[in-house]
Amino acid sequence: MVTYGVLGALLGSFGFGLKLSGWQKTISIAAGAIIALSVFIRWAKLPLIMGNPFSAFSAKTITTLFQSCSYAALFAIGLFKGLLPCGFVYITLIGLVATQDIVNGTLFMVFFGLSILLMMFSISMVW
């Protein structure tokens, strides 16, 4: 949730900057086109041209941190796991630019993280 909150603050302030510069509508249309294109690519089962270069770095770092048994290492693992590729997070972050506010962006992503936490907890209790 810390990672999500920081990403929310960054993209909320980015959206505010876009609003001030007059690019908000253009970026919103482009983001919608990217989301529609990604859905089409998944629906048509087309091969992806590029991957996420950060995921390999993040996975290697998480593996290294798992070997260290400390609370700081566990916290760092949580921070890196927030950056792993996830379609729901990407779509939420793209939509987050529309909030155009640092506080609303941060709160939106923290509550998004809480909802994921509740879902994961519920699944673990039922499973």
C-alpha atoms as a PDB file:
ATOM      1  CA  MET A   1       0.000   0.000   0.000  1.00  0.00           C
ATOM      2  CA  VAL A   2       2.975   2.301   0.547  1.00  0.00           C
ATOM      3  CA  THR A   3       4.107   1.723  -3.037  1.00  0.00           C
ATOM      4  CA  TYR A   4       0.572   2.249  -4.315  1.00  0.00           C
ATOM      5  CA  GLY A   5       0.253   5.453  -2.269  1.00  0.00           C
ATOM      6  CA  VAL A   6       3.514   6.839  -3.679  1.00  0.00           C
ATOM      7  CA  LEU A   7       2.483   5.929  -7.230  1.00  0.00           C
ATOM      8  CA  GLY A   8      -0.890   7.580  -6.604  1.00  0.00           C
ATOM      9  CA  ALA A   9       0.764  10.781  -5.420  1.00  0.00           C
ATOM     10  CA  LEU A  10       3.109  10.841  -8.409  1.00  0.00           C
ATOM     11  CA  LEU A  11       0.413  10.232 -11.010  1.00  0.00           C
ATOM     12  CA  GLY A  12      -2.061  12.539  -9.269  1.00  0.00           C
ATOM     13  CA  SER A  13       0.475  15.363  -9.447  1.00  0.00           C
ATOM     14  CA  PHE A  14       1.259  14.394 -13.056  1.00  0.00           C
ATOM     15  CA  GLY A  15      -2.457  14.707 -13.865  1.00  0.00           C
ATOM     16  CA  PHE A  16      -2.563  18.106 -12.184  1.00  0.00           C
ATOM     17  CA  GLY A  17       0.385  19.222 -14.313  1.00  0.00           C
ATOM     18  CA  LEU A  18      -1.392  17.981 -17.437  1.00  0.00           C
ATOM     19  CA  LYS A  19      -4.480  19.937 -16.446  1.00  0.00           C
ATOM     20  CA  LEU A  20      -2.434  23.107 -16.049  1.00  0.00           C
ATOM     21  CA  SER A  21      -0.692  22.596 -19.388  1.00  0.00           C
ATOM     22  CA  GLY A  22      -3.941  21.813 -21.243  1.00  0.00           C
ATOM     23  CA  TRP A  23      -2.967  18.258 -22.251  1.00  0.00           C
ATOM     24  CA  GLN A  24      -5.417  16.419 -19.966  1.00  0.00           C
ATOM     25  CA  LYS A  25      -8.027  15.639 -22.639  1.00  0.00           C
ATOM     26  CA  THR A  26      -5.441  14.454 -25.169  1.00  0.00           C
ATOM     27  CA  ILE A  27      -3.707  12.212 -22.635  1.00  0.00           C
ATOM     28  CA  SER A  28      -7.070  10.816 -21.458  1.00  0.00           C
ATOM     29  CA  ILE A  29      -8.014   9.873 -25.011  1.00  0.00           C
ATOM     30  CA  ALA A  30      -4.580   8.323 -25.605  1.00  0.00           C
ATOM     31  CA  ALA A  31      -4.836   6.356 -22.334  1.00  0.00           C
ATOM     32  CA  GLY A  32      -8.261   5.050 -23.351  1.00  0.00           C
ATOM     33  CA  ALA A  33      -6.868   4.001 -26.732  1.00  0.00           C
ATOM     34  CA  ILE A  34      -3.968   2.189 -25.021  1.00  0.00           C
ATOM     35  CA  ILE A  35      -6.365   0.348 -22.709  1.00  0.00           C
ATOM     36  CA  ALA A  36      -8.595  -0.639 -25.659  1.00  0.00           C
ATOM     37  CA  LEU A  37      -5.551  -1.783 -27.638  1.00  0.00           C
ATOM     38  CA  SER A  38      -4.268  -3.878 -24.749  1.00  0.00           C
ATOM     39  CA  VAL A  39      -7.676  -5.540 -24.386  1.00  0.00           C
ATOM     40  CA  PHE A  40      -7.712  -6.286 -28.114  1.00  0.00           C
ATOM     41  CA  ILE A  41      -4.195  -7.757 -27.975  1.00  0.00           C
ATOM     42  CA  ARG A  42      -5.197 -10.061 -25.107  1.00  0.00           C
ATOM     43  CA  TRP A  43      -8.518 -10.968 -26.765  1.00  0.00           C
ATOM     44  CA  ALA A  44      -6.877 -11.742 -30.114  1.00  0.00           C
ATOM     45  CA  LYS A  45      -4.087 -13.625 -28.295  1.00  0.00           C
ATOM     46  CA  LEU A  46      -1.443 -11.679 -30.198  1.00  0.00           C
ATOM     47  CA  PRO A  47       2.134 -12.047 -28.957  1.00  0.00           C
ATOM     48  CA  LEU A  48       3.361  -9.183 -26.834  1.00  0.00           C
ATOM     49  CA  ILE A  49       6.202  -7.255 -28.410  1.00  0.00           C
ATOM     50  CA  MET A  50       7.728  -5.914 -25.222  1.00  0.00           C
ATOM     51  CA  GLY A  51       7.775  -7.041 -21.655  1.00  0.00           C
ATOM     52  CA  ASN A  52       8.310  -5.228 -18.404  1.00  0.00           C
ATOM     53  CA  PRO A  53      12.077  -4.842 -17.891  1.00  0.00           C
ATOM     54  CA  PHE A  54      11.506  -3.906 -14.267  1.00  0.00           C
ATOM     55  CA  SER A  55       9.940  -7.271 -13.410  1.00  0.00           C
ATOM     56  CA  ALA A  56      13.219  -9.174 -13.908  1.00  0.00           C
ATOM     57  CA  PHE A  57      15.079  -6.680 -11.702  1.00  0.00           C
ATOM     58  CA  SER A  58      12.322  -6.772  -9.108  1.00  0.00           C
ATOM     59  CA  ALA A  59      12.150 -10.582  -9.048  1.00  0.00           C
ATOM     60  CA  LYS A  60      15.929 -10.828  -8.608  1.00  0.00           C
ATOM     61  CA  THR A  61      15.864  -8.255  -5.801  1.00  0.00           C
ATOM     62  CA  ILE A  62      12.982 -10.016  -4.048  1.00  0.00           C
ATOM     63  CA  THR A  63      14.844 -13.323  -4.238  1.00  0.00           C
ATOM     64  CA  THR A  64      17.901 -11.707  -2.647  1.00  0.00           C
ATOM     65  CA  LEU A  65      15.792 -10.084   0.072  1.00  0.00           C
ATOM     66  CA  PHE A  66      14.070 -13.378   0.929  1.00  0.00           C
ATOM     67  CA  GLN A  67      17.443 -14.767   1.975  1.00  0.00           C
ATOM     68  CA  SER A  68      17.714 -12.034   4.616  1.00  0.00           C
ATOM     69  CA  CYS A  69      15.462 -12.652   7.606  1.00  0.00           C
ATOM     70  CA  SER A  70      14.625  -9.181   8.875  1.00  0.00           C
ATOM     71  CA  TYR A  71      11.605  -6.922   9.081  1.00  0.00           C
ATOM     72  CA  ALA A  72      13.338  -4.343   6.881  1.00  0.00           C
ATOM     73  CA  ALA A  73      13.813  -6.996   4.172  1.00  0.00           C
ATOM     74  CA  LEU A  74      10.143  -7.994   4.421  1.00  0.00           C
ATOM     75  CA  PHE A  75       9.095  -4.343   4.110  1.00  0.00           C
ATOM     76  CA  ALA A  76      11.354  -3.913   1.073  1.00  0.00           C
ATOM     77  CA  ILE A  77       9.830  -7.058  -0.476  1.00  0.00           C
ATOM     78  CA  GLY A  78       6.402  -5.512  -0.032  1.00  0.00           C
ATOM     79  CA  LEU A  79       7.576  -2.315  -1.700  1.00  0.00           C
ATOM     80  CA  PHE A  80       8.949  -4.217  -4.697  1.00  0.00           C
ATOM     81  CA  LYS A  81       5.867  -6.440  -4.999  1.00  0.00           C
ATOM     82  CA  GLY A  82       3.794  -3.306  -5.538  1.00  0.00           C
ATOM     83  CA  LEU A  83       5.805  -2.712  -8.706  1.00  0.00           C
ATOM     84  CA  LEU A  84       5.332  -6.157 -10.257  1.00  0.00           C
ATOM     85  CA  PRO A  85       3.266  -6.216 -13.474  1.00  0.00           C
ATOM     86  CA  CYS A  86      -0.496  -6.317 -12.917  1.00  0.00           C
ATOM     87  CA  GLY A  87      -3.151  -5.296 -15.410  1.00  0.00           C
ATOM     88  CA  PHE A  88      -5.558  -4.024 -12.742  1.00  0.00           C
ATOM     89  CA  VAL A  89      -2.877  -1.781 -11.264  1.00  0.00           C
ATOM     90  CA  TYR A  90      -1.879  -0.443 -14.692  1.00  0.00           C
ATOM     91  CA  ILE A  91      -5.464   0.418 -15.597  1.00  0.00           C
ATOM     92  CA  THR A  92      -6.016   2.010 -12.197  1.00  0.00           C
ATOM     93  CA  LEU A  93      -2.852   4.093 -12.539  1.00  0.00           C
ATOM     94  CA  ILE A  94      -3.835   5.271 -16.016  1.00  0.00           C
ATOM     95  CA  GLY A  95      -7.259   6.287 -14.722  1.00  0.00           C
ATOM     96  CA  LEU A  96      -5.663   7.900 -11.708  1.00  0.00           C
ATOM     97  CA  VAL A  97      -4.197  10.676 -13.822  1.00  0.00           C
ATOM     98  CA  ALA A  98      -7.781  11.952 -14.171  1.00  0.00           C
ATOM     99  CA  THR A  99      -7.972  12.722 -10.429  1.00  0.00           C
ATOM    100  CA  GLN A 100      -5.610  15.666 -11.027  1.00  0.00           C
ATOM    101  CA  ASP A 101      -4.806  15.857  -7.310  1.00  0.00           C
ATOM    102  CA  ILE A 102      -1.990  14.502  -5.144  1.00  0.00           C
ATOM    103  CA  VAL A 103      -4.170  13.805  -2.099  1.00  0.00           C
ATOM    104  CA  ASN A 104      -6.997  12.171  -4.060  1.00  0.00           C
ATOM    105  CA  GLY A 105      -4.504  10.124  -6.070  1.00  0.00           C
ATOM    106  CA  THR A 106      -2.771   8.905  -2.921  1.00  0.00           C
ATOM    107  CA  LEU A 107      -6.024   8.040  -1.152  1.00  0.00           C
ATOM    108  CA  PHE A 108      -7.409   6.336  -4.256  1.00  0.00           C
ATOM    109  CA  MET A 109      -4.407   4.022  -4.525  1.00  0.00           C
ATOM    110  CA  VAL A 110      -4.246   3.328  -0.771  1.00  0.00           C
ATOM    111  CA  PHE A 111      -7.899   2.283  -0.802  1.00  0.00           C
ATOM    112  CA  PHE A 112      -7.212   0.240  -3.935  1.00  0.00           C
ATOM    113  CA  GLY A 113      -4.452  -1.531  -1.982  1.00  0.00           C
ATOM    114  CA  LEU A 114      -6.782  -2.069   0.983  1.00  0.00           C
ATOM    115  CA  SER A 115      -9.381  -3.623  -1.286  1.00  0.00           C
ATOM    116  CA  ILE A 116      -6.752  -6.012  -2.657  1.00  0.00           C
ATOM    117  CA  LEU A 117      -5.664  -6.839   0.891  1.00  0.00           C
ATOM    118  CA  LEU A 118      -9.248  -7.632   1.898  1.00  0.00           C
ATOM    119  CA  MET A 119      -9.768  -9.783  -1.193  1.00  0.00           C
ATOM    120  CA  MET A 120      -6.530 -11.724  -0.630  1.00  0.00           C
ATOM    121  CA  PHE A 121      -7.348 -12.211   3.034  1.00  0.00           C
ATOM    122  CA  SER A 122     -10.862 -13.410   2.192  1.00  0.00           C
ATOM    123  CA  ILE A 123      -9.566 -15.855  -0.387  1.00  0.00           C
ATOM    124  CA  SER A 124      -7.000 -17.232   2.058  1.00  0.00           C
ATOM    125  CA  MET A 125      -9.687 -17.739   4.706  1.00  0.00           C
ATOM    126  CA  VAL A 126     -12.062 -19.532   2.321  1.00  0.00           C
ATOM    127  CA  TRP A 127      -9.471 -21.549   0.455  1.00  0.00           C
END
